[in-house]
């Protein structure tokens, strides 16, 4: 399972996602469509840090890292050991 798939699975299971799963593509605009509120974003952050054993720095909590599943996956993958 890819990083993006794990993130998508989390969003559909734990975040209030009311649309069809097929709409939740890697490039679906999460922030523009208000998929995350502040609480959901913090819960997603906790999931990422635990699931992938990475630490997301406060300076990385900017919209450019959280716009889409692809953006979040890229951030996570940049933190993984090579």
C-alpha atoms as a PDB file:
ATOM      1  CA  UNK A   1       0.000   0.000   0.000  1.00  0.00           C
ATOM      2  CA  UNK A   2       1.394   3.393  -0.958  1.00  0.00           C
ATOM      3  CA  UNK A   3       1.692   6.377   1.348  1.00  0.00           C
ATOM      4  CA  UNK A   4      -1.138   8.077  -0.544  1.00  0.00           C
ATOM      5  CA  UNK A   5      -3.344   4.987  -0.143  1.00  0.00           C
ATOM      6  CA  UNK A   6      -2.759   4.924   3.625  1.00  0.00           C
ATOM      7  CA  UNK A   7      -3.607   8.630   3.870  1.00  0.00           C
ATOM      8  CA  UNK A   8      -6.748   8.172   1.765  1.00  0.00           C
ATOM      9  CA  UNK A   9      -7.833   5.213   3.912  1.00  0.00           C
ATOM     10  CA  UNK A  10      -7.378   7.324   7.051  1.00  0.00           C
ATOM     11  CA  UNK A  11      -9.378  10.229   5.611  1.00  0.00           C
ATOM     12  CA  UNK A  12     -12.271   8.006   4.570  1.00  0.00           C
ATOM     13  CA  UNK A  13     -12.304   6.180   7.912  1.00  0.00           C
ATOM     14  CA  UNK A  14     -11.568   8.925  10.422  1.00  0.00           C
ATOM     15  CA  UNK A  15     -12.327  12.320   8.857  1.00  0.00           C
ATOM     16  CA  UNK A  16     -15.850  13.328   7.984  1.00  0.00           C
ATOM     17  CA  UNK A  17     -15.744  12.408   4.289  1.00  0.00           C
ATOM     18  CA  UNK A  18     -19.196  12.439   2.729  1.00  0.00           C
ATOM     19  CA  UNK A  19     -18.295  12.050  -0.919  1.00  0.00           C
ATOM     20  CA  UNK A  20     -17.587   8.918  -2.903  1.00  0.00           C
ATOM     21  CA  UNK A  21     -14.147   7.441  -2.277  1.00  0.00           C
ATOM     22  CA  UNK A  22     -13.509   7.643  -6.027  1.00  0.00           C
ATOM     23  CA  UNK A  23     -13.579  11.472  -5.745  1.00  0.00           C
ATOM     24  CA  UNK A  24     -10.735  11.418  -3.211  1.00  0.00           C
ATOM     25  CA  UNK A  25      -7.946  11.321  -5.783  1.00  0.00           C
ATOM     26  CA  UNK A  26      -4.330  12.183  -5.057  1.00  0.00           C
ATOM     27  CA  UNK A  27      -4.966  15.675  -6.459  1.00  0.00           C
ATOM     28  CA  UNK A  28      -8.354  16.355  -4.844  1.00  0.00           C
ATOM     29  CA  UNK A  29      -8.151  19.826  -3.219  1.00  0.00           C
ATOM     30  CA  UNK A  30      -8.587  18.930   0.448  1.00  0.00           C
ATOM     31  CA  UNK A  31      -8.229  22.429   1.855  1.00  0.00           C
ATOM     32  CA  UNK A  32     -10.294  24.161  -0.838  1.00  0.00           C
ATOM     33  CA  UNK A  33     -13.105  21.682  -0.171  1.00  0.00           C
ATOM     34  CA  UNK A  34     -12.765  21.989   3.610  1.00  0.00           C
ATOM     35  CA  UNK A  35     -12.111  18.300   4.187  1.00  0.00           C
ATOM     36  CA  UNK A  36     -10.080  19.213   7.276  1.00  0.00           C
ATOM     37  CA  UNK A  37     -11.055  21.466  10.111  1.00  0.00           C
ATOM     38  CA  UNK A  38      -8.355  22.321  12.657  1.00  0.00           C
ATOM     39  CA  UNK A  39      -9.166  19.308  14.833  1.00  0.00           C
ATOM     40  CA  UNK A  40      -9.146  16.888  11.893  1.00  0.00           C
ATOM     41  CA  UNK A  41      -5.826  18.314  10.744  1.00  0.00           C
ATOM     42  CA  UNK A  42      -4.275  17.723  14.173  1.00  0.00           C
ATOM     43  CA  UNK A  43      -5.657  14.179  14.243  1.00  0.00           C
ATOM     44  CA  UNK A  44      -4.232  13.560  10.760  1.00  0.00           C
ATOM     45  CA  UNK A  45      -0.881  14.880  11.965  1.00  0.00           C
ATOM     46  CA  UNK A  46      -0.913  12.475  14.923  1.00  0.00           C
ATOM     47  CA  UNK A  47      -1.825   9.590  12.610  1.00  0.00           C
ATOM     48  CA  UNK A  48       1.025  10.450  10.228  1.00  0.00           C
ATOM     49  CA  UNK A  49       3.605  10.700  12.992  1.00  0.00           C
ATOM     50  CA  UNK A  50       2.540   7.382  14.496  1.00  0.00           C
ATOM     51  CA  UNK A  51       1.866   5.421  11.288  1.00  0.00           C
ATOM     52  CA  UNK A  52       5.031   6.482   9.476  1.00  0.00           C
ATOM     53  CA  UNK A  53       7.274   7.102  12.514  1.00  0.00           C
ATOM     54  CA  UNK A  54       8.163  10.613  11.349  1.00  0.00           C
ATOM     55  CA  UNK A  55       8.041  14.017  12.978  1.00  0.00           C
ATOM     56  CA  UNK A  56       6.328  16.892  11.207  1.00  0.00           C
ATOM     57  CA  UNK A  57       7.822  20.231  12.212  1.00  0.00           C
ATOM     58  CA  UNK A  58       5.591  23.191  13.034  1.00  0.00           C
ATOM     59  CA  UNK A  59       7.016  25.109  10.054  1.00  0.00           C
ATOM     60  CA  UNK A  60       5.651  22.350   7.806  1.00  0.00           C
ATOM     61  CA  UNK A  61       2.073  22.987   8.896  1.00  0.00           C
ATOM     62  CA  UNK A  62       1.498  25.264   5.932  1.00  0.00           C
ATOM     63  CA  UNK A  63      -1.141  24.957   3.217  1.00  0.00           C
ATOM     64  CA  UNK A  64       1.380  23.938   0.553  1.00  0.00           C
ATOM     65  CA  UNK A  65       2.021  20.651   2.388  1.00  0.00           C
ATOM     66  CA  UNK A  66      -1.657  19.886   3.094  1.00  0.00           C
ATOM     67  CA  UNK A  67      -3.553  20.883  -0.105  1.00  0.00           C
ATOM     68  CA  UNK A  68      -3.859  17.368  -1.526  1.00  0.00           C
ATOM     69  CA  UNK A  69      -3.122  13.779  -0.643  1.00  0.00           C
ATOM     70  CA  UNK A  70      -0.186  13.984  -3.065  1.00  0.00           C
ATOM     71  CA  UNK A  71       1.222  16.984  -1.152  1.00  0.00           C
ATOM     72  CA  UNK A  72       0.867  15.232   2.206  1.00  0.00           C
ATOM     73  CA  UNK A  73       2.386  12.025   0.825  1.00  0.00           C
ATOM     74  CA  UNK A  74       5.347  13.970  -0.572  1.00  0.00           C
ATOM     75  CA  UNK A  75       5.930  15.560   2.836  1.00  0.00           C
ATOM     76  CA  UNK A  76       5.744  12.194   4.593  1.00  0.00           C
ATOM     77  CA  UNK A  77       8.016  10.501   2.062  1.00  0.00           C
ATOM     78  CA  UNK A  78      10.579  13.302   2.391  1.00  0.00           C
ATOM     79  CA  UNK A  79      10.844  12.373   6.077  1.00  0.00           C
ATOM     80  CA  UNK A  80      11.295   8.624   5.578  1.00  0.00           C
ATOM     81  CA  UNK A  81      14.776   7.136   5.633  1.00  0.00           C
ATOM     82  CA  UNK A  82      16.096   6.438   2.149  1.00  0.00           C
END
